[in-house]
Amino acid sequence: MGQSNPLSPEYVVMNSLPANTLNEKLFKRRPAPNFLIVGAARAGTTSLWHWLRQHPDVFMSRDKEPAYFVQNGFRAMTKDKYLSLFAAGQGKPCIGEASTGYLPAAESPPWIHEVLGPVKIIIVLRNPIERAFSMYCFMTMMGLEPIETFEEALDQESRRMASLQFRQNCFMNTRDYQYFHVGLYADQVIRYINTFGAERVKVLLFDDLKSDPSGFCADVCQFLEIPYVNGHALTRENSVTVPRSISLQYRLRAMRVQTRKRLGVSDRAVTGLPIMAMYVNRARGTKKNLSSAVRAELVERYRPSVGQLADLVHRDLSPWLK
């Protein structure tokens, strides 16, 4: 863990133990992940998580996005709570979880390796331009983003990253609002390869998931060293609709958060008018298209990183830059 990233007191204690002692004392008698899907967000990871949950040789945590290995993760999960997610996986050859926050977080790879050891890492990457726009639309749909246009959100990104006030008051981890920067994949992939070794990092493309879902899943199974099961389909998850009123959706989300804090309950436990209004506002929304001008600008901004990534994963990524 880099010294510039302060850790929770619990992790500091854990990190002070030798790795072999840590694994032996904390994980020997309790099921723990031996592979992780680390991202990217809006790249088909939820579809893959659902598909793997149905595989007879795989146990996936019931909760997607535990985000345990992210500093200041939005769930603030304890070690015991994290391990409890995998208790029912006893005896399964493959035990895993999916948290897209692990890919852009510099602290995640060494932290994962320190705690879980040399696990296998699955990374699914999507055209960074499409991913950025899809993430913005998703955030507006969920009432997490008040900015009315994608262009303005991109313009505000650097200011937000530098603003302590924004980091302290935004609804989600600040990286979720870094639409452009999270798409700079090359450095993120290199961190995992350097930490776990190239043989334990599988980089897949959202393009392949769309064009050949069976081949995509077979590739995952080969990496995990389990038989491919063709008994269930890979389904599309988390389709996005921009709400009719972005500002209203954000205000309704704020009301929901205030209610949750006042009652001391989880976000899922909050019901009532704000939730119903959010669903109606979403239902009356529409799908948005990315403007050609913004796309052209992002092509040039992403060009160096896409070139690096193409060399790294030995794939032709030139269609991303059209």
C-alpha atoms as a PDB file:
ATOM      1  CA  MET A   1       0.000   0.000   0.000  1.00  0.00           C
ATOM      2  CA  GLY A   2       1.377   3.362  -0.969  1.00  0.00           C
ATOM      3  CA  GLN A   3       2.118   5.614   1.974  1.00  0.00           C
ATOM      4  CA  SER A   4       0.053   8.384   0.450  1.00  0.00           C
ATOM      5  CA  ASN A   5      -3.078   6.340   1.052  1.00  0.00           C
ATOM      6  CA  PRO A   6      -3.977   6.181   4.776  1.00  0.00           C
ATOM      7  CA  LEU A   7      -5.579   2.886   5.749  1.00  0.00           C
ATOM      8  CA  SER A   8      -8.238   1.929   8.215  1.00  0.00           C
ATOM      9  CA  PRO A   9      -6.894   0.961  11.670  1.00  0.00           C
ATOM     10  CA  GLU A  10      -8.145  -2.558  11.092  1.00  0.00           C
ATOM     11  CA  TYR A  11      -6.142  -2.915   7.894  1.00  0.00           C
ATOM     12  CA  VAL A  12      -3.030  -1.426   9.498  1.00  0.00           C
ATOM     13  CA  VAL A  13      -3.150  -4.192  12.100  1.00  0.00           C
ATOM     14  CA  MET A  14      -3.737  -6.810   9.433  1.00  0.00           C
ATOM     15  CA  ASN A  15      -0.991  -5.429   7.268  1.00  0.00           C
ATOM     16  CA  SER A  16       1.480  -5.592  10.147  1.00  0.00           C
ATOM     17  CA  LEU A  17       1.267  -9.389  10.118  1.00  0.00           C
ATOM     18  CA  PRO A  18       3.398 -11.457   7.738  1.00  0.00           C
ATOM     19  CA  ALA A  19       1.350 -12.516   4.711  1.00  0.00           C
ATOM     20  CA  ASN A  20       1.570 -16.228   5.552  1.00  0.00           C
ATOM     21  CA  THR A  21       0.465 -15.609   9.153  1.00  0.00           C
ATOM     22  CA  LEU A  22      -2.356 -13.367   7.961  1.00  0.00           C
ATOM     23  CA  ASN A  23      -3.728 -15.938   5.538  1.00  0.00           C
ATOM     24  CA  GLU A  24      -3.285 -18.784   8.005  1.00  0.00           C
ATOM     25  CA  LYS A  25      -4.991 -17.070  10.946  1.00  0.00           C
ATOM     26  CA  LEU A  26      -7.759 -15.189   9.190  1.00  0.00           C
ATOM     27  CA  PHE A  27      -8.652 -17.261   6.143  1.00  0.00           C
ATOM     28  CA  LYS A  28      -7.642 -20.873   6.794  1.00  0.00           C
ATOM     29  CA  ARG A  29     -10.990 -21.894   8.283  1.00  0.00           C
ATOM     30  CA  ARG A  30     -13.195 -19.441   6.423  1.00  0.00           C
ATOM     31  CA  PRO A  31     -14.016 -19.441   2.713  1.00  0.00           C
ATOM     32  CA  ALA A  32     -12.500 -16.454   0.942  1.00  0.00           C
ATOM     33  CA  PRO A  33     -12.299 -15.323  -2.687  1.00  0.00           C
ATOM     34  CA  ASN A  34      -9.750 -16.913  -4.981  1.00  0.00           C
ATOM     35  CA  PHE A  35     -10.705 -14.666  -7.878  1.00  0.00           C
ATOM     36  CA  LEU A  36     -12.072 -11.128  -8.269  1.00  0.00           C
ATOM     37  CA  ILE A  37     -13.829  -9.253 -11.047  1.00  0.00           C
ATOM     38  CA  VAL A  38     -12.363  -5.790 -10.579  1.00  0.00           C
ATOM     39  CA  GLY A  39     -14.044  -3.798 -13.342  1.00  0.00           C
ATOM     40  CA  ALA A  40     -14.488  -1.744 -15.328  1.00  0.00           C
ATOM     41  CA  ALA A  41     -17.780  -0.157 -14.332  1.00  0.00           C
ATOM     42  CA  ARG A  42     -20.413  -0.123 -17.098  1.00  0.00           C
ATOM     43  CA  ALA A  43     -18.516  -2.814 -19.026  1.00  0.00           C
ATOM     44  CA  GLY A  44     -20.687  -5.889 -18.479  1.00  0.00           C
ATOM     45  CA  THR A  45     -19.393  -6.937 -15.074  1.00  0.00           C
ATOM     46  CA  THR A  46     -22.909  -7.295 -13.657  1.00  0.00           C
ATOM     47  CA  SER A  47     -23.888  -9.604 -16.520  1.00  0.00           C
ATOM     48  CA  LEU A  48     -20.788 -11.717 -15.906  1.00  0.00           C
ATOM     49  CA  TRP A  49     -21.458 -11.774 -12.149  1.00  0.00           C
ATOM     50  CA  HIS A  50     -24.992 -13.033 -12.768  1.00  0.00           C
ATOM     51  CA  TRP A  51     -23.750 -15.680 -15.198  1.00  0.00           C
ATOM     52  CA  LEU A  52     -21.080 -16.986 -12.848  1.00  0.00           C
ATOM     53  CA  ARG A  53     -23.545 -17.167  -9.960  1.00  0.00           C
ATOM     54  CA  GLN A  54     -25.364 -19.889 -11.913  1.00  0.00           C
ATOM     55  CA  HIS A  55     -22.251 -21.973 -12.580  1.00  0.00           C
ATOM     56  CA  PRO A  56     -22.175 -25.139 -10.410  1.00  0.00           C
ATOM     57  CA  ASP A  57     -18.460 -24.779  -9.662  1.00  0.00           C
ATOM     58  CA  VAL A  58     -18.578 -21.106  -8.733  1.00  0.00           C
ATOM     59  CA  PHE A  59     -19.758 -19.215  -5.676  1.00  0.00           C
ATOM     60  CA  MET A  60     -20.190 -15.475  -6.126  1.00  0.00           C
ATOM     61  CA  SER A  61     -21.029 -13.194  -3.219  1.00  0.00           C
ATOM     62  CA  ARG A  62     -24.718 -12.414  -3.146  1.00  0.00           C
ATOM     63  CA  ASP A  63     -23.909  -8.716  -2.980  1.00  0.00           C
ATOM     64  CA  LYS A  64     -22.208  -7.215  -5.995  1.00  0.00           C
ATOM     65  CA  GLU A  65     -19.803  -4.369  -5.239  1.00  0.00           C
ATOM     66  CA  PRO A  66     -18.710  -5.199  -1.673  1.00  0.00           C
ATOM     67  CA  ALA A  67     -15.896  -2.699  -2.380  1.00  0.00           C
ATOM     68  CA  TYR A  68     -13.988  -3.854   0.701  1.00  0.00           C
ATOM     69  CA  PHE A  69     -10.597  -3.124  -0.835  1.00  0.00           C
ATOM     70  CA  VAL A  70     -11.355   0.512  -1.640  1.00  0.00           C
ATOM     71  CA  GLN A  71     -10.254   3.235   0.731  1.00  0.00           C
ATOM     72  CA  ASN A  72     -13.339   5.044   2.060  1.00  0.00           C
ATOM     73  CA  GLY A  73     -15.583   2.563   0.260  1.00  0.00           C
ATOM     74  CA  PHE A  74     -19.250   3.552   0.276  1.00  0.00           C
ATOM     75  CA  ARG A  75     -20.218   0.450   2.280  1.00  0.00           C
ATOM     76  CA  ALA A  76     -17.483   0.787   4.921  1.00  0.00           C
ATOM     77  CA  MET A  77     -17.487  -2.993   5.344  1.00  0.00           C
ATOM     78  CA  THR A  78     -15.627  -4.720   8.188  1.00  0.00           C
ATOM     79  CA  LYS A  79     -13.392  -7.730   7.676  1.00  0.00           C
ATOM     80  CA  ASP A  80     -15.845 -10.104   9.361  1.00  0.00           C
ATOM     81  CA  LYS A  81     -18.735  -8.770   7.301  1.00  0.00           C
ATOM     82  CA  TYR A  82     -16.691  -9.169   4.129  1.00  0.00           C
ATOM     83  CA  LEU A  83     -15.755 -12.773   4.911  1.00  0.00           C
ATOM     84  CA  SER A  84     -19.339 -13.590   5.840  1.00  0.00           C
ATOM     85  CA  LEU A  85     -20.299 -12.945   2.206  1.00  0.00           C
ATOM     86  CA  PHE A  86     -18.511 -16.174   1.249  1.00  0.00           C
ATOM     87  CA  ALA A  87     -19.531 -18.485   4.093  1.00  0.00           C
ATOM     88  CA  ALA A  88     -21.931 -20.407   1.852  1.00  0.00           C
ATOM     89  CA  GLY A  89     -19.168 -21.030  -0.691  1.00  0.00           C
ATOM     90  CA  GLN A  90     -17.457 -23.714   1.368  1.00  0.00           C
ATOM     91  CA  GLY A  91     -16.266 -26.498  -0.928  1.00  0.00           C
ATOM     92  CA  LYS A  92     -16.682 -24.617  -4.207  1.00  0.00           C
ATOM     93  CA  PRO A  93     -13.591 -24.659  -6.492  1.00  0.00           C
ATOM     94  CA  CYS A  94     -14.046 -20.991  -7.350  1.00  0.00           C
ATOM     95  CA  ILE A  95     -15.146 -18.300  -4.921  1.00  0.00           C
ATOM     96  CA  GLY A  96     -15.339 -14.728  -6.118  1.00  0.00           C
ATOM     97  CA  GLU A  97     -16.848 -11.276  -5.974  1.00  0.00           C
ATOM     98  CA  ALA A  98     -17.201  -8.326  -8.310  1.00  0.00           C
ATOM     99  CA  SER A  99     -16.353  -4.747  -7.331  1.00  0.00           C
ATOM    100  CA  THR A 100     -15.722  -2.301 -10.148  1.00  0.00           C
ATOM    101  CA  GLY A 101     -14.152   0.210  -7.779  1.00  0.00           C
ATOM    102  CA  TYR A 102     -11.050  -1.975  -7.519  1.00  0.00           C
ATOM    103  CA  LEU A 103      -9.813  -1.180 -11.037  1.00  0.00           C
ATOM    104  CA  PRO A 104      -9.196   2.598 -10.806  1.00  0.00           C
ATOM    105  CA  ALA A 105      -8.225   2.542  -7.109  1.00  0.00           C
ATOM    106  CA  ALA A 106      -4.432   2.521  -6.815  1.00  0.00           C
ATOM    107  CA  GLU A 107      -4.654   1.113  -3.292  1.00  0.00           C
ATOM    108  CA  SER A 108      -6.660  -1.966  -4.296  1.00  0.00           C
ATOM    109  CA  PRO A 109      -4.106  -4.286  -6.009  1.00  0.00           C
ATOM    110  CA  PRO A 110      -1.509  -4.374  -3.182  1.00  0.00           C
ATOM    111  CA  TRP A 111      -4.255  -4.487  -0.550  1.00  0.00           C
ATOM    112  CA  ILE A 112      -5.973  -7.442  -2.252  1.00  0.00           C
ATOM    113  CA  HIS A 113      -2.682  -9.287  -2.627  1.00  0.00           C
ATOM    114  CA  GLU A 114      -1.719  -8.662   0.972  1.00  0.00           C
ATOM    115  CA  VAL A 115      -5.000 -10.020   2.318  1.00  0.00           C
ATOM    116  CA  LEU A 116      -6.082 -12.672  -0.196  1.00  0.00           C
ATOM    117  CA  GLY A 117      -2.740 -13.657  -1.696  1.00  0.00           C
ATOM    118  CA  PRO A 118      -2.137 -14.376  -5.421  1.00  0.00           C
ATOM    119  CA  VAL A 119      -5.785 -14.611  -6.487  1.00  0.00           C
ATOM    120  CA  LYS A 120      -6.907 -14.475 -10.104  1.00  0.00           C
ATOM    121  CA  ILE A 121      -8.055 -11.123 -11.474  1.00  0.00           C
ATOM    122  CA  ILE A 122     -10.652 -10.597 -14.214  1.00  0.00           C
ATOM    123  CA  ILE A 123     -10.814  -7.203 -15.936  1.00  0.00           C
ATOM    124  CA  VAL A 124     -13.488  -6.338 -18.504  1.00  0.00           C
ATOM    125  CA  LEU A 125     -12.833  -3.188 -20.518  1.00  0.00           C
ATOM    126  CA  ARG A 126     -15.171  -1.168 -22.680  1.00  0.00           C
ATOM    127  CA  ASN A 127     -14.507   1.582 -25.167  1.00  0.00           C
ATOM    128  CA  PRO A 128     -13.642   4.343 -22.665  1.00  0.00           C
ATOM    129  CA  ILE A 129     -15.750   6.920 -24.497  1.00  0.00           C
ATOM    130  CA  GLU A 130     -18.851   4.742 -24.399  1.00  0.00           C
ATOM    131  CA  ARG A 131     -18.110   3.735 -20.813  1.00  0.00           C
ATOM    132  CA  ALA A 132     -17.758   7.347 -19.652  1.00  0.00           C
ATOM    133  CA  PHE A 133     -21.040   8.408 -21.222  1.00  0.00           C
ATOM    134  CA  SER A 134     -22.836   5.302 -19.963  1.00  0.00           C
ATOM    135  CA  MET A 135     -21.545   5.953 -16.444  1.00  0.00           C
ATOM    136  CA  TYR A 136     -22.772   9.543 -16.528  1.00  0.00           C
ATOM    137  CA  CYS A 137     -26.221   8.414 -17.694  1.00  0.00           C
ATOM    138  CA  PHE A 138     -26.317   5.742 -14.983  1.00  0.00           C
ATOM    139  CA  MET A 139     -25.422   8.266 -12.294  1.00  0.00           C
ATOM    140  CA  THR A 140     -28.198  10.620 -13.419  1.00  0.00           C
ATOM    141  CA  MET A 141     -30.668   7.732 -13.487  1.00  0.00           C
ATOM    142  CA  MET A 142     -29.808   6.810  -9.903  1.00  0.00           C
ATOM    143  CA  GLY A 143     -30.077  10.414  -8.711  1.00  0.00           C
ATOM    144  CA  LEU A 144     -26.374  10.615  -7.947  1.00  0.00           C
ATOM    145  CA  GLU A 145     -25.410  13.266 -10.497  1.00  0.00           C
ATOM    146  CA  PRO A 146     -26.947  16.771 -10.516  1.00  0.00           C
ATOM    147  CA  ILE A 147     -25.115  18.134 -13.570  1.00  0.00           C
ATOM    148  CA  GLU A 148     -27.527  18.404 -16.497  1.00  0.00           C
ATOM    149  CA  THR A 149     -25.172  17.558 -19.385  1.00  0.00           C
ATOM    150  CA  PHE A 150     -22.304  15.163 -19.973  1.00  0.00           C
ATOM    151  CA  GLU A 151     -20.218  17.972 -21.451  1.00  0.00           C
ATOM    152  CA  GLU A 152     -20.491  20.032 -18.280  1.00  0.00           C
ATOM    153  CA  ALA A 153     -19.722  17.022 -16.113  1.00  0.00           C
ATOM    154  CA  LEU A 154     -16.502  16.492 -18.074  1.00  0.00           C
ATOM    155  CA  ASP A 155     -15.636  20.177 -17.675  1.00  0.00           C
ATOM    156  CA  GLN A 156     -16.214  19.971 -13.914  1.00  0.00           C
ATOM    157  CA  GLU A 157     -14.243  16.757 -13.403  1.00  0.00           C
ATOM    158  CA  SER A 158     -10.869  18.265 -12.528  1.00  0.00           C
ATOM    159  CA  ARG A 159     -12.449  20.788 -10.173  1.00  0.00           C
ATOM    160  CA  ARG A 160     -14.381  18.047  -8.437  1.00  0.00           C
ATOM    161  CA  MET A 161     -11.259  15.906  -8.034  1.00  0.00           C
ATOM    162  CA  ALA A 162      -9.513  18.803  -6.324  1.00  0.00           C
ATOM    163  CA  SER A 163     -12.445  19.841  -4.117  1.00  0.00           C
ATOM    164  CA  LEU A 164     -12.405  18.603  -0.531  1.00  0.00           C
ATOM    165  CA  GLN A 165     -15.986  19.787  -0.095  1.00  0.00           C
ATOM    166  CA  PHE A 166     -17.143  17.735  -3.051  1.00  0.00           C
ATOM    167  CA  ARG A 167     -15.293  14.621  -1.872  1.00  0.00           C
ATOM    168  CA  GLN A 168     -16.879  14.908   1.566  1.00  0.00           C
ATOM    169  CA  ASN A 169     -20.431  15.490   0.343  1.00  0.00           C
ATOM    170  CA  CYS A 170     -20.913  13.486  -2.849  1.00  0.00           C
ATOM    171  CA  PHE A 171     -23.177  10.461  -2.588  1.00  0.00           C
ATOM    172  CA  MET A 172     -20.671   7.930  -3.963  1.00  0.00           C
ATOM    173  CA  ASN A 173     -16.932   7.389  -4.088  1.00  0.00           C
ATOM    174  CA  THR A 174     -15.395  10.323  -5.938  1.00  0.00           C
ATOM    175  CA  ARG A 175     -13.998   8.011  -8.623  1.00  0.00           C
ATOM    176  CA  ASP A 176     -17.546   7.353  -9.808  1.00  0.00           C
ATOM    177  CA  TYR A 177     -17.669  10.999 -10.894  1.00  0.00           C
ATOM    178  CA  GLN A 178     -14.349  10.816 -12.746  1.00  0.00           C
ATOM    179  CA  TYR A 179     -15.924   9.877 -16.042  1.00  0.00           C
ATOM    180  CA  PHE A 180     -12.858  10.604 -18.166  1.00  0.00           C
ATOM    181  CA  HIS A 181     -10.036   9.651 -15.814  1.00  0.00           C
ATOM    182  CA  VAL A 182     -11.428   6.229 -14.924  1.00  0.00           C
ATOM    183  CA  GLY A 183     -11.233   5.351 -18.631  1.00  0.00           C
ATOM    184  CA  LEU A 184      -7.415   5.664 -18.681  1.00  0.00           C
ATOM    185  CA  TYR A 185      -7.098   1.897 -18.473  1.00  0.00           C
ATOM    186  CA  ALA A 186      -3.453   1.269 -19.320  1.00  0.00           C
ATOM    187  CA  ASP A 187      -1.986   2.292 -15.961  1.00  0.00           C
ATOM    188  CA  GLN A 188      -4.777   0.489 -14.109  1.00  0.00           C
ATOM    189  CA  VAL A 189      -4.118  -2.809 -15.899  1.00  0.00           C
ATOM    190  CA  ILE A 190      -0.367  -2.469 -15.406  1.00  0.00           C
ATOM    191  CA  ARG A 191      -0.864  -2.148 -11.640  1.00  0.00           C
ATOM    192  CA  TYR A 192      -2.615  -5.511 -11.522  1.00  0.00           C
ATOM    193  CA  ILE A 193      -0.110  -7.222 -13.807  1.00  0.00           C
ATOM    194  CA  ASN A 194       2.794  -5.922 -11.718  1.00  0.00           C
ATOM    195  CA  THR A 195       1.093  -7.060  -8.501  1.00  0.00           C
ATOM    196  CA  PHE A 196      -0.305 -10.467  -9.490  1.00  0.00           C
ATOM    197  CA  GLY A 197       1.672 -11.432 -12.595  1.00  0.00           C
ATOM    198  CA  ALA A 198       0.414 -11.504 -16.175  1.00  0.00           C
ATOM    199  CA  GLU A 199      -0.627 -15.158 -15.893  1.00  0.00           C
ATOM    200  CA  ARG A 200      -3.122 -14.320 -13.135  1.00  0.00           C
ATOM    201  CA  VAL A 201      -4.707 -11.310 -14.840  1.00  0.00           C
ATOM    202  CA  LYS A 202      -7.298 -11.880 -17.552  1.00  0.00           C
ATOM    203  CA  VAL A 203      -8.225  -8.832 -19.628  1.00  0.00           C
ATOM    204  CA  LEU A 204     -11.463  -9.187 -21.588  1.00  0.00           C
ATOM    205  CA  LEU A 205     -13.329  -6.780 -23.843  1.00  0.00           C
ATOM    206  CA  PHE A 206     -16.949  -5.699 -23.691  1.00  0.00           C
ATOM    207  CA  ASP A 207     -16.889  -5.872 -27.496  1.00  0.00           C
ATOM    208  CA  ASP A 208     -16.429  -9.667 -27.298  1.00  0.00           C
ATOM    209  CA  LEU A 209     -19.175  -9.998 -24.695  1.00  0.00           C
ATOM    210  CA  LYS A 210     -21.596  -8.356 -27.129  1.00  0.00           C
ATOM    211  CA  SER A 211     -20.469 -10.129 -30.301  1.00  0.00           C
ATOM    212  CA  ASP A 212     -19.825 -13.617 -28.905  1.00  0.00           C
ATOM    213  CA  PRO A 213     -21.222 -14.067 -25.372  1.00  0.00           C
ATOM    214  CA  SER A 214     -20.699 -17.844 -25.386  1.00  0.00           C
ATOM    215  CA  GLY A 215     -17.064 -17.484 -26.407  1.00  0.00           C
ATOM    216  CA  PHE A 216     -16.628 -14.735 -23.825  1.00  0.00           C
ATOM    217  CA  CYS A 217     -17.924 -16.971 -21.018  1.00  0.00           C
ATOM    218  CA  ALA A 218     -15.913 -19.945 -22.251  1.00  0.00           C
ATOM    219  CA  ASP A 219     -12.800 -17.776 -22.065  1.00  0.00           C
ATOM    220  CA  VAL A 220     -13.630 -16.890 -18.449  1.00  0.00           C
ATOM    221  CA  CYS A 221     -14.127 -20.558 -17.562  1.00  0.00           C
ATOM    222  CA  GLN A 222     -10.820 -21.525 -19.141  1.00  0.00           C
ATOM    223  CA  PHE A 223      -9.070 -18.862 -17.090  1.00  0.00           C
ATOM    224  CA  LEU A 224     -10.744 -20.079 -13.895  1.00  0.00           C
ATOM    225  CA  GLU A 225      -9.975 -23.703 -14.853  1.00  0.00           C
ATOM    226  CA  ILE A 226     -13.579 -24.865 -14.670  1.00  0.00           C
ATOM    227  CA  PRO A 227     -15.728 -26.503 -17.368  1.00  0.00           C
ATOM    228  CA  TYR A 228     -17.797 -24.266 -19.590  1.00  0.00           C
ATOM    229  CA  VAL A 229     -21.511 -24.630 -18.881  1.00  0.00           C
ATOM    230  CA  ASN A 230     -23.854 -23.677 -21.708  1.00  0.00           C
ATOM    231  CA  GLY A 231     -27.070 -24.181 -19.780  1.00  0.00           C
ATOM    232  CA  HIS A 232     -27.839 -20.519 -19.160  1.00  0.00           C
ATOM    233  CA  ALA A 233     -27.541 -17.328 -21.148  1.00  0.00           C
ATOM    234  CA  LEU A 234     -25.523 -14.229 -20.462  1.00  0.00           C
ATOM    235  CA  THR A 235     -28.174 -11.557 -19.982  1.00  0.00           C
ATOM    236  CA  ARG A 236     -27.977  -7.800 -20.303  1.00  0.00           C
ATOM    237  CA  GLU A 237     -28.132  -5.998 -16.978  1.00  0.00           C
ATOM    238  CA  ASN A 238     -28.357  -2.387 -15.786  1.00  0.00           C
ATOM    239  CA  SER A 239     -29.720  -0.768 -18.928  1.00  0.00           C
ATOM    240  CA  VAL A 240     -29.723   3.004 -18.586  1.00  0.00           C
ATOM    241  CA  THR A 241     -32.409   5.633 -19.054  1.00  0.00           C
ATOM    242  CA  VAL A 242     -31.723   9.282 -18.277  1.00  0.00           C
ATOM    243  CA  PRO A 243     -34.572  10.536 -16.050  1.00  0.00           C
ATOM    244  CA  ARG A 244     -36.979  13.138 -17.318  1.00  0.00           C
ATOM    245  CA  SER A 245     -35.607  15.633 -14.784  1.00  0.00           C
ATOM    246  CA  ILE A 246     -32.006  15.133 -13.678  1.00  0.00           C
ATOM    247  CA  SER A 247     -32.215  17.816 -10.989  1.00  0.00           C
ATOM    248  CA  LEU A 248     -35.421  16.333  -9.543  1.00  0.00           C
ATOM    249  CA  GLN A 249     -33.898  12.863  -9.447  1.00  0.00           C
ATOM    250  CA  TYR A 250     -30.933  14.251  -7.528  1.00  0.00           C
ATOM    251  CA  ARG A 251     -33.165  16.048  -5.012  1.00  0.00           C
ATOM    252  CA  LEU A 252     -35.210  12.894  -4.488  1.00  0.00           C
ATOM    253  CA  ARG A 253     -32.039  10.918  -3.867  1.00  0.00           C
ATOM    254  CA  ALA A 254     -30.969  13.515  -1.285  1.00  0.00           C
ATOM    255  CA  MET A 255     -34.320  13.076   0.496  1.00  0.00           C
ATOM    256  CA  ARG A 256     -33.755   9.321   0.481  1.00  0.00           C
ATOM    257  CA  VAL A 257     -30.272   9.698   1.970  1.00  0.00           C
ATOM    258  CA  GLN A 258     -31.553  12.050   4.670  1.00  0.00           C
ATOM    259  CA  THR A 259     -34.294   9.576   5.588  1.00  0.00           C
ATOM    260  CA  ARG A 260     -31.803   6.729   5.758  1.00  0.00           C
ATOM    261  CA  LYS A 261     -29.513   8.676   8.068  1.00  0.00           C
ATOM    262  CA  ARG A 262     -32.388   9.813  10.267  1.00  0.00           C
ATOM    263  CA  LEU A 263     -33.765   6.293  10.681  1.00  0.00           C
ATOM    264  CA  GLY A 264     -30.376   4.606  10.838  1.00  0.00           C
ATOM    265  CA  VAL A 265     -31.281   2.016   8.207  1.00  0.00           C
ATOM    266  CA  SER A 266     -29.781   0.795   4.941  1.00  0.00           C
ATOM    267  CA  ASP A 267     -30.541   2.539   1.671  1.00  0.00           C
ATOM    268  CA  ARG A 268     -32.571  -0.465   0.508  1.00  0.00           C
ATOM    269  CA  ALA A 269     -34.803  -0.207   3.569  1.00  0.00           C
ATOM    270  CA  VAL A 270     -35.972   3.302   2.704  1.00  0.00           C
ATOM    271  CA  THR A 271     -39.406   3.360   1.070  1.00  0.00           C
ATOM    272  CA  GLY A 272     -42.090   5.943   0.471  1.00  0.00           C
ATOM    273  CA  LEU A 273     -42.761   8.905  -1.770  1.00  0.00           C
ATOM    274  CA  PRO A 274     -39.153   9.729  -2.802  1.00  0.00           C
ATOM    275  CA  ILE A 275     -38.623   6.165  -4.055  1.00  0.00           C
ATOM    276  CA  MET A 276     -41.887   6.109  -5.983  1.00  0.00           C
ATOM    277  CA  ALA A 277     -41.160   9.523  -7.484  1.00  0.00           C
ATOM    278  CA  MET A 278     -37.688   8.402  -8.573  1.00  0.00           C
ATOM    279  CA  TYR A 279     -39.162   5.407 -10.403  1.00  0.00           C
ATOM    280  CA  VAL A 280     -41.766   7.587 -12.139  1.00  0.00           C
ATOM    281  CA  ASN A 281     -39.167  10.179 -13.143  1.00  0.00           C
ATOM    282  CA  ARG A 282     -36.965   7.397 -14.503  1.00  0.00           C
ATOM    283  CA  ALA A 283     -39.852   5.727 -16.354  1.00  0.00           C
ATOM    284  CA  ARG A 284     -40.627   9.013 -18.093  1.00  0.00           C
ATOM    285  CA  GLY A 285     -37.028   9.465 -19.135  1.00  0.00           C
ATOM    286  CA  THR A 286     -35.294   8.550 -22.363  1.00  0.00           C
ATOM    287  CA  LYS A 287     -32.066   7.157 -23.750  1.00  0.00           C
ATOM    288  CA  LYS A 288     -29.513   9.781 -24.716  1.00  0.00           C
ATOM    289  CA  ASN A 289     -26.922   9.760 -27.471  1.00  0.00           C
ATOM    290  CA  LEU A 290     -23.417  11.136 -27.202  1.00  0.00           C
ATOM    291  CA  SER A 291     -22.856  14.146 -29.444  1.00  0.00           C
ATOM    292  CA  SER A 292     -20.382  13.754 -32.291  1.00  0.00           C
ATOM    293  CA  ALA A 293     -18.428  16.820 -31.104  1.00  0.00           C
ATOM    294  CA  VAL A 294     -17.856  15.420 -27.607  1.00  0.00           C
ATOM    295  CA  ARG A 295     -16.995  12.022 -29.049  1.00  0.00           C
ATOM    296  CA  ALA A 296     -14.386  13.543 -31.356  1.00  0.00           C
ATOM    297  CA  GLU A 297     -12.838  15.436 -28.449  1.00  0.00           C
ATOM    298  CA  LEU A 298     -12.660  12.315 -26.287  1.00  0.00           C
ATOM    299  CA  VAL A 299     -11.122  10.273 -29.103  1.00  0.00           C
ATOM    300  CA  GLU A 300      -8.105  12.564 -29.087  1.00  0.00           C
ATOM    301  CA  ARG A 301      -7.899  12.698 -25.292  1.00  0.00           C
ATOM    302  CA  TYR A 302      -7.978   8.918 -25.020  1.00  0.00           C
ATOM    303  CA  ARG A 303      -5.748   8.152 -28.002  1.00  0.00           C
ATOM    304  CA  PRO A 304      -2.417   7.806 -26.099  1.00  0.00           C
ATOM    305  CA  SER A 305      -3.887   5.588 -23.382  1.00  0.00           C
ATOM    306  CA  VAL A 306      -5.720   3.372 -25.891  1.00  0.00           C
ATOM    307  CA  GLY A 307      -2.479   2.921 -27.812  1.00  0.00           C
ATOM    308  CA  GLN A 308      -0.673   1.840 -24.643  1.00  0.00           C
ATOM    309  CA  LEU A 309      -3.451  -0.563 -23.754  1.00  0.00           C
ATOM    310  CA  ALA A 310      -3.478  -2.119 -27.239  1.00  0.00           C
ATOM    311  CA  ASP A 311       0.222  -2.919 -26.909  1.00  0.00           C
ATOM    312  CA  LEU A 312      -0.335  -4.268 -23.405  1.00  0.00           C
ATOM    313  CA  VAL A 313      -3.190  -6.664 -24.214  1.00  0.00           C
ATOM    314  CA  HIS A 314      -2.117  -7.393 -27.815  1.00  0.00           C
ATOM    315  CA  ARG A 315      -5.469  -6.406 -29.311  1.00  0.00           C
ATOM    316  CA  ASP A 316      -6.441  -4.046 -32.106  1.00  0.00           C
ATOM    317  CA  LEU A 317      -8.364  -1.292 -30.324  1.00  0.00           C
ATOM    318  CA  SER A 318      -8.487   1.120 -33.253  1.00  0.00           C
ATOM    319  CA  PRO A 319     -12.315   0.816 -33.499  1.00  0.00           C
ATOM    320  CA  TRP A 320     -12.483   2.605 -30.154  1.00  0.00           C
ATOM    321  CA  LEU A 321     -10.947   5.669 -31.774  1.00  0.00           C
ATOM    322  CA  LYS A 322     -13.274   5.977 -34.732  1.00  0.00           C
END
